[in-house]
Amino acid sequence: MPNLDWSQSPAVESVPGKVSGAWVLRGTRMPVQTVFVNLKAGMSAQEVTDIFDGLQLEQVEAVIQFVVQSLDKEPSYI
């Protein structure tokens, strides 16, 4: 499975020195990976925002939507 190009998502950012340069939800210190770990564990997007202070439902939905849109694209083979 190809890696997603998170640089194409306006909902996230990677800043050197901020959470070790991990992809985080823009304007937060919340790693994108943490969102998906919690979703995989069975939490809803609303539950994720409820337990992480300052996180907005729209931010979580935006990263989910980015993944969905990325999966809708035709694969490019080398």
PDB file of N, CA and C in Angstrom:
ATOM      1  N   MET A   1       0.849  -1.172   0.000  1.00  0.00           N
ATOM      2  CA  MET A   1       0.000   0.000   0.000  1.00  0.00           C
ATOM      3  C   MET A   1       0.895   1.236   0.000  1.00  0.00           C
ATOM      4  N   PRO A   2       0.645   2.182  -0.912  1.00  0.00           N
ATOM      5  CA  PRO A   2       1.461   3.392  -0.959  1.00  0.00           C
ATOM      6  C   PRO A   2       1.186   4.290   0.247  1.00  0.00           C
ATOM      7  N   ASN A   3       2.207   5.070   0.581  1.00  0.00           N
ATOM      8  CA  ASN A   3       2.046   6.036   1.667  1.00  0.00           C
ATOM      9  C   ASN A   3       1.244   7.234   1.184  1.00  0.00           C
ATOM     10  N   LEU A   4       0.484   7.814   2.090  1.00  0.00           N
ATOM     11  CA  LEU A   4      -0.241   9.037   1.764  1.00  0.00           C
ATOM     12  C   LEU A   4       0.723  10.212   1.775  1.00  0.00           C
ATOM     13  N   ASP A   5       0.492  11.164   0.904  1.00  0.00           N
ATOM     14  CA  ASP A   5       1.292  12.384   0.879  1.00  0.00           C
ATOM     15  C   ASP A   5       0.586  13.432   1.732  1.00  0.00           C
ATOM     16  N   TRP A   6       0.875  13.407   3.030  1.00  0.00           N
ATOM     17  CA  TRP A   6       0.196  14.312   3.961  1.00  0.00           C
ATOM     18  C   TRP A   6       0.454  15.773   3.646  1.00  0.00           C
ATOM     19  N   SER A   7       1.514  16.070   2.896  1.00  0.00           N
ATOM     20  CA  SER A   7       1.783  17.468   2.548  1.00  0.00           C
ATOM     21  C   SER A   7       0.679  18.041   1.662  1.00  0.00           C
ATOM     22  N   GLN A   8      -0.142  17.169   1.084  1.00  0.00           N
ATOM     23  CA  GLN A   8      -1.248  17.608   0.232  1.00  0.00           C
ATOM     24  C   GLN A   8      -2.527  17.886   1.017  1.00  0.00           C
ATOM     25  N   SER A   9      -2.504  17.653   2.312  1.00  0.00           N
ATOM     26  CA  SER A   9      -3.684  17.886   3.148  1.00  0.00           C
ATOM     27  C   SER A   9      -3.567  19.226   3.869  1.00  0.00           C
ATOM     28  N   PRO A  10      -4.500  20.139   3.637  1.00  0.00           N
ATOM     29  CA  PRO A  10      -4.453  21.431   4.335  1.00  0.00           C
ATOM     30  C   PRO A  10      -4.783  21.323   5.824  1.00  0.00           C
ATOM     31  N   ALA A  11      -5.245  20.161   6.254  1.00  0.00           N
ATOM     32  CA  ALA A  11      -5.657  19.982   7.649  1.00  0.00           C
ATOM     33  C   ALA A  11      -4.493  19.643   8.582  1.00  0.00           C
ATOM     34  N   VAL A  12      -3.322  19.364   8.000  1.00  0.00           N
ATOM     35  CA  VAL A  12      -2.190  18.939   8.823  1.00  0.00           C
ATOM     36  C   VAL A  12      -0.946  19.762   8.515  1.00  0.00           C
ATOM     37  N   GLU A  13       0.030  19.636   9.415  1.00  0.00           N
ATOM     38  CA  GLU A  13       1.301  20.311   9.210  1.00  0.00           C
ATOM     39  C   GLU A  13       2.416  19.498   9.876  1.00  0.00           C
ATOM     40  N   SER A  14       3.611  19.663   9.374  1.00  0.00           N
ATOM     41  CA  SER A  14       4.799  19.057   9.969  1.00  0.00           C
ATOM     42  C   SER A  14       5.806  20.180  10.154  1.00  0.00           C
ATOM     43  N   VAL A  15       6.118  20.474  11.412  1.00  0.00           N
ATOM     44  CA  VAL A  15       7.019  21.576  11.729  1.00  0.00           C
ATOM     45  C   VAL A  15       8.221  21.000  12.480  1.00  0.00           C
ATOM     46  N   PRO A  16       9.429  21.200  11.941  1.00  0.00           N
ATOM     47  CA  PRO A  16      10.607  20.706  12.658  1.00  0.00           C
ATOM     48  C   PRO A  16      10.620  21.249  14.089  1.00  0.00           C
ATOM     49  N   GLY A  17      10.876  20.375  15.031  1.00  0.00           N
ATOM     50  CA  GLY A  17      10.920  20.770  16.431  1.00  0.00           C
ATOM     51  C   GLY A  17       9.575  20.729  17.132  1.00  0.00           C
ATOM     52  N   LYS A  18       8.508  20.550  16.388  1.00  0.00           N
ATOM     53  CA  LYS A  18       7.163  20.436  16.969  1.00  0.00           C
ATOM     54  C   LYS A  18       6.752  18.976  16.895  1.00  0.00           C
ATOM     55  N   VAL A  19       6.664  18.315  18.033  1.00  0.00           N
ATOM     56  CA  VAL A  19       6.348  16.890  18.113  1.00  0.00           C
ATOM     57  C   VAL A  19       7.295  16.098  17.195  1.00  0.00           C
ATOM     58  N   SER A  20       8.558  16.452  17.260  1.00  0.00           N
ATOM     59  CA  SER A  20       9.620  15.785  16.489  1.00  0.00           C
ATOM     60  C   SER A  20       9.362  15.784  14.986  1.00  0.00           C
ATOM     61  N   GLY A  21       8.641  16.762  14.492  1.00  0.00           N
ATOM     62  CA  GLY A  21       8.375  16.864  13.059  1.00  0.00           C
ATOM     63  C   GLY A  21       7.277  15.950  12.558  1.00  0.00           C
ATOM     64  N   ALA A  22       6.573  15.285  13.470  1.00  0.00           N
ATOM     65  CA  ALA A  22       5.474  14.395  13.066  1.00  0.00           C
ATOM     66  C   ALA A  22       4.358  15.211  12.415  1.00  0.00           C
ATOM     67  N   TRP A  23       3.576  14.547  11.573  1.00  0.00           N
ATOM     68  CA  TRP A  23       2.393  15.202  11.001  1.00  0.00           C
ATOM     69  C   TRP A  23       1.364  15.354  12.114  1.00  0.00           C
ATOM     70  N   VAL A  24       0.960  16.594  12.344  1.00  0.00           N
ATOM     71  CA  VAL A  24      -0.018  16.908  13.388  1.00  0.00           C
ATOM     72  C   VAL A  24      -1.182  17.661  12.780  1.00  0.00           C
ATOM     73  N   LEU A  25      -2.305  17.659  13.467  1.00  0.00           N
ATOM     74  CA  LEU A  25      -3.435  18.469  13.021  1.00  0.00           C
ATOM     75  C   LEU A  25      -3.026  19.927  13.122  1.00  0.00           C
ATOM     76  N   ARG A  26      -3.254  20.679  12.071  1.00  0.00           N
ATOM     77  CA  ARG A  26      -2.795  22.065  11.977  1.00  0.00           C
ATOM     78  C   ARG A  26      -3.220  22.875  13.209  1.00  0.00           C
ATOM     79  N   GLY A  27      -2.230  23.572  13.774  1.00  0.00           N
ATOM     80  CA  GLY A  27      -2.498  24.433  14.919  1.00  0.00           C
ATOM     81  C   GLY A  27      -2.551  23.696  16.252  1.00  0.00           C
ATOM     82  N   THR A  28      -2.222  22.399  16.230  1.00  0.00           N
ATOM     83  CA  THR A  28      -2.244  21.596  17.457  1.00  0.00           C
ATOM     84  C   THR A  28      -0.922  20.841  17.585  1.00  0.00           C
ATOM     85  N   ARG A  29      -0.812  20.091  18.652  1.00  0.00           N
ATOM     86  CA  ARG A  29       0.305  19.169  18.830  1.00  0.00           C
ATOM     87  C   ARG A  29      -0.193  17.717  18.742  1.00  0.00           C
ATOM     88  N   MET A  30      -1.366  17.521  18.165  1.00  0.00           N
ATOM     89  CA  MET A  30      -1.990  16.200  18.069  1.00  0.00           C
ATOM     90  C   MET A  30      -1.499  15.482  16.817  1.00  0.00           C
ATOM     91  N   PRO A  31      -0.692  14.423  16.987  1.00  0.00           N
ATOM     92  CA  PRO A  31      -0.245  13.663  15.822  1.00  0.00           C
ATOM     93  C   PRO A  31      -1.420  12.991  15.105  1.00  0.00           C
ATOM     94  N   VAL A  32      -1.375  13.017  13.793  1.00  0.00           N
ATOM     95  CA  VAL A  32      -2.400  12.352  12.979  1.00  0.00           C
ATOM     96  C   VAL A  32      -2.462  10.873  13.364  1.00  0.00           C
ATOM     97  N   GLN A  33      -1.313  10.279  13.604  1.00  0.00           N
ATOM     98  CA  GLN A  33      -1.267   8.864  13.968  1.00  0.00           C
ATOM     99  C   GLN A  33      -2.101   8.588  15.221  1.00  0.00           C
ATOM    100  N   THR A  34      -2.073   9.475  16.192  1.00  0.00           N
ATOM    101  CA  THR A  34      -2.837   9.284  17.428  1.00  0.00           C
ATOM    102  C   THR A  34      -4.328   9.258  17.148  1.00  0.00           C
ATOM    103  N   VAL A  35      -4.772  10.089  16.223  1.00  0.00           N
ATOM    104  CA  VAL A  35      -6.191  10.089  15.850  1.00  0.00           C
ATOM    105  C   VAL A  35      -6.585   8.714  15.326  1.00  0.00           C
ATOM    106  N   PHE A  36      -5.792   8.174  14.393  1.00  0.00           N
ATOM    107  CA  PHE A  36      -6.147   6.895  13.788  1.00  0.00           C
ATOM    108  C   PHE A  36      -5.979   5.722  14.742  1.00  0.00           C
ATOM    109  N   VAL A  37      -5.031   5.803  15.646  1.00  0.00           N
ATOM    110  CA  VAL A  37      -4.883   4.750  16.665  1.00  0.00           C
ATOM    111  C   VAL A  37      -6.150   4.678  17.507  1.00  0.00           C
ATOM    112  N   ASN A  38      -6.676   5.826  17.886  1.00  0.00           N
ATOM    113  CA  ASN A  38      -7.892   5.852  18.699  1.00  0.00           C
ATOM    114  C   ASN A  38      -9.120   5.425  17.911  1.00  0.00           C
ATOM    115  N   LEU A  39      -9.204   5.797  16.644  1.00  0.00           N
ATOM    116  CA  LEU A  39     -10.317   5.337  15.805  1.00  0.00           C
ATOM    117  C   LEU A  39     -10.255   3.828  15.635  1.00  0.00           C
ATOM    118  N   LYS A  40      -9.061   3.297  15.424  1.00  0.00           N
ATOM    119  CA  LYS A  40      -8.896   1.848  15.282  1.00  0.00           C
ATOM    120  C   LYS A  40      -9.300   1.123  16.563  1.00  0.00           C
ATOM    121  N   ALA A  41      -9.075   1.762  17.709  1.00  0.00           N
ATOM    122  CA  ALA A  41      -9.428   1.157  18.998  1.00  0.00           C
ATOM    123  C   ALA A  41     -10.933   1.176  19.239  1.00  0.00           C
ATOM    124  N   GLY A  42     -11.689   1.789  18.315  1.00  0.00           N
ATOM    125  CA  GLY A  42     -13.142   1.764  18.423  1.00  0.00           C
ATOM    126  C   GLY A  42     -13.785   3.065  18.843  1.00  0.00           C
ATOM    127  N   MET A  43     -12.968   4.099  19.041  1.00  0.00           N
ATOM    128  CA  MET A  43     -13.548   5.386  19.419  1.00  0.00           C
ATOM    129  C   MET A  43     -14.174   6.053  18.198  1.00  0.00           C
ATOM    130  N   SER A  44     -15.198   6.850  18.434  1.00  0.00           N
ATOM    131  CA  SER A  44     -15.774   7.663  17.362  1.00  0.00           C
ATOM    132  C   SER A  44     -14.948   8.945  17.243  1.00  0.00           C
ATOM    133  N   ALA A  45     -15.122   9.653  16.133  1.00  0.00           N
ATOM    134  CA  ALA A  45     -14.432  10.930  15.956  1.00  0.00           C
ATOM    135  C   ALA A  45     -14.816  11.891  17.082  1.00  0.00           C
ATOM    136  N   GLN A  46     -16.073  11.879  17.486  1.00  0.00           N
ATOM    137  CA  GLN A  46     -16.520  12.759  18.571  1.00  0.00           C
ATOM    138  C   GLN A  46     -15.833  12.387  19.888  1.00  0.00           C
ATOM    139  N   GLU A  47     -15.693  11.095  20.156  1.00  0.00           N
ATOM    140  CA  GLU A  47     -15.022  10.665  21.383  1.00  0.00           C
ATOM    141  C   GLU A  47     -13.558  11.094  21.395  1.00  0.00           C
ATOM    142  N   VAL A  48     -12.911  11.040  20.242  1.00  0.00           N
ATOM    143  CA  VAL A  48     -11.518  11.482  20.159  1.00  0.00           C
ATOM    144  C   VAL A  48     -11.425  12.961  20.521  1.00  0.00           C
ATOM    145  N   THR A  49     -12.323  13.770  19.991  1.00  0.00           N
ATOM    146  CA  THR A  49     -12.279  15.206  20.304  1.00  0.00           C
ATOM    147  C   THR A  49     -12.654  15.473  21.757  1.00  0.00           C
ATOM    148  N   ASP A  50     -13.487  14.638  22.327  1.00  0.00           N
ATOM    149  CA  ASP A  50     -13.892  14.812  23.728  1.00  0.00           C
ATOM    150  C   ASP A  50     -12.734  14.582  24.694  1.00  0.00           C
ATOM    151  N   ILE A  51     -11.847  13.640  24.380  1.00  0.00           N
ATOM    152  CA  ILE A  51     -10.782  13.328  25.336  1.00  0.00           C
ATOM    153  C   ILE A  51      -9.503  14.141  25.108  1.00  0.00           C
ATOM    154  N   PHE A  52      -9.345  14.744  23.923  1.00  0.00           N
ATOM    155  CA  PHE A  52      -8.159  15.538  23.643  1.00  0.00           C
ATOM    156  C   PHE A  52      -8.539  17.015  23.605  1.00  0.00           C
ATOM    157  N   ASP A  53      -8.147  17.709  24.639  1.00  0.00           N
ATOM    158  CA  ASP A  53      -8.458  19.128  24.820  1.00  0.00           C
ATOM    159  C   ASP A  53      -8.016  19.969  23.626  1.00  0.00           C
ATOM    160  N   GLY A  54      -8.884  20.810  23.141  1.00  0.00           N
ATOM    161  CA  GLY A  54      -8.559  21.730  22.066  1.00  0.00           C
ATOM    162  C   GLY A  54      -8.723  21.168  20.666  1.00  0.00           C
ATOM    163  N   LEU A  55      -9.004  19.893  20.560  1.00  0.00           N
ATOM    164  CA  LEU A  55      -9.189  19.264  19.260  1.00  0.00           C
ATOM    165  C   LEU A  55     -10.634  19.456  18.805  1.00  0.00           C
ATOM    166  N   GLN A  56     -10.809  19.808  17.554  1.00  0.00           N
ATOM    167  CA  GLN A  56     -12.133  20.058  17.001  1.00  0.00           C
ATOM    168  C   GLN A  56     -12.575  18.891  16.113  1.00  0.00           C
ATOM    169  N   LEU A  57     -13.857  18.592  16.146  1.00  0.00           N
ATOM    170  CA  LEU A  57     -14.413  17.521  15.327  1.00  0.00           C
ATOM    171  C   LEU A  57     -14.103  17.748  13.848  1.00  0.00           C
ATOM    172  N   GLU A  58     -14.155  18.980  13.399  1.00  0.00           N
ATOM    173  CA  GLU A  58     -13.895  19.305  11.998  1.00  0.00           C
ATOM    174  C   GLU A  58     -12.477  18.903  11.595  1.00  0.00           C
ATOM    175  N   GLN A  59     -11.525  19.022  12.526  1.00  0.00           N
ATOM    176  CA  GLN A  59     -10.140  18.641  12.232  1.00  0.00           C
ATOM    177  C   GLN A  59     -10.031  17.130  12.019  1.00  0.00           C
ATOM    178  N   VAL A  60     -10.660  16.371  12.889  1.00  0.00           N
ATOM    179  CA  VAL A  60     -10.629  14.910  12.770  1.00  0.00           C
ATOM    180  C   VAL A  60     -11.328  14.488  11.476  1.00  0.00           C
ATOM    181  N   GLU A  61     -12.465  15.079  11.214  1.00  0.00           N
ATOM    182  CA  GLU A  61     -13.196  14.746   9.989  1.00  0.00           C
ATOM    183  C   GLU A  61     -12.396  15.103   8.742  1.00  0.00           C
ATOM    184  N   ALA A  62     -11.625  16.177   8.801  1.00  0.00           N
ATOM    185  CA  ALA A  62     -10.825  16.595   7.646  1.00  0.00           C
ATOM    186  C   ALA A  62      -9.739  15.579   7.315  1.00  0.00           C
ATOM    187  N   VAL A  63      -9.070  15.012   8.330  1.00  0.00           N
ATOM    188  CA  VAL A  63      -8.036  14.013   8.027  1.00  0.00           C
ATOM    189  C   VAL A  63      -8.666  12.703   7.541  1.00  0.00           C
ATOM    190  N   ILE A  64      -9.816  12.360   8.077  1.00  0.00           N
ATOM    191  CA  ILE A  64     -10.520  11.167   7.593  1.00  0.00           C
ATOM    192  C   ILE A  64     -10.930  11.372   6.136  1.00  0.00           C
ATOM    193  N   GLN A  65     -11.460  12.530   5.823  1.00  0.00           N
ATOM    194  CA  GLN A  65     -11.877  12.836   4.455  1.00  0.00           C
ATOM    195  C   GLN A  65     -10.695  12.816   3.489  1.00  0.00           C
ATOM    196  N   PHE A  66      -9.543  13.300   3.942  1.00  0.00           N
ATOM    197  CA  PHE A  66      -8.344  13.275   3.104  1.00  0.00           C
ATOM    198  C   PHE A  66      -7.973  11.837   2.743  1.00  0.00           C
ATOM    199  N   VAL A  67      -8.029  10.945   3.722  1.00  0.00           N
ATOM    200  CA  VAL A  67      -7.715   9.539   3.471  1.00  0.00           C
ATOM    201  C   VAL A  67      -8.722   8.946   2.490  1.00  0.00           C
ATOM    202  N   VAL A  68     -10.003   9.205   2.707  1.00  0.00           N
ATOM    203  CA  VAL A  68     -11.046   8.687   1.821  1.00  0.00           C
ATOM    204  C   VAL A  68     -10.824   9.171   0.388  1.00  0.00           C
ATOM    205  N   GLN A  69     -10.547  10.455   0.224  1.00  0.00           N
ATOM    206  CA  GLN A  69     -10.321  11.003  -1.115  1.00  0.00           C
ATOM    207  C   GLN A  69      -9.075  10.401  -1.756  1.00  0.00           C
ATOM    208  N   SER A  70      -8.057  10.158  -0.948  1.00  0.00           N
ATOM    209  CA  SER A  70      -6.827   9.564  -1.474  1.00  0.00           C
ATOM    210  C   SER A  70      -7.071   8.152  -1.978  1.00  0.00           C
ATOM    211  N   LEU A  71      -7.957   7.418  -1.315  1.00  0.00           N
ATOM    212  CA  LEU A  71      -8.266   6.055  -1.726  1.00  0.00           C
ATOM    213  C   LEU A  71      -9.106   6.015  -2.993  1.00  0.00           C
ATOM    214  N   ASP A  72      -9.807   7.105  -3.282  1.00  0.00           N
ATOM    215  CA  ASP A  72     -10.641   7.164  -4.480  1.00  0.00           C
ATOM    216  C   ASP A  72      -9.832   7.368  -5.756  1.00  0.00           C
ATOM    217  N   LYS A  73      -8.555   7.731  -5.643  1.00  0.00           N
ATOM    218  CA  LYS A  73      -7.734   8.001  -6.799  1.00  0.00           C
ATOM    219  C   LYS A  73      -7.261   6.705  -7.431  1.00  0.00           C
ATOM    220  N   GLU A  74      -7.069   6.772  -8.742  1.00  0.00           N
ATOM    221  CA  GLU A  74      -6.519   5.636  -9.466  1.00  0.00           C
ATOM    222  C   GLU A  74      -5.072   5.430  -9.007  1.00  0.00           C
ATOM    223  N   PRO A  75      -4.665   4.182  -8.822  1.00  0.00           N
ATOM    224  CA  PRO A  75      -3.273   3.934  -8.429  1.00  0.00           C
ATOM    225  C   PRO A  75      -2.322   4.298  -9.564  1.00  0.00           C
ATOM    226  N   SER A  76      -1.155   4.764  -9.214  1.00  0.00           N
ATOM    227  CA  SER A  76      -0.140   5.033 -10.227  1.00  0.00           C
ATOM    228  C   SER A  76       0.980   4.021 -10.046  1.00  0.00           C
ATOM    229  N   TYR A  77       1.248   3.288 -11.097  1.00  0.00           N
ATOM    230  CA  TYR A  77       2.251   2.240 -11.057  1.00  0.00           C
ATOM    231  C   TYR A  77       3.496   2.700 -11.767  1.00  0.00           C
ATOM    232  N   ILE A  78       4.618   2.313 -11.213  1.00  0.00           N
ATOM    233  CA  ILE A  78       5.899   2.676 -11.846  1.00  0.00           C
ATOM    234  C   ILE A  78       6.283   1.594 -12.811  1.00  0.00           C
TER     235      ILE A  78
END
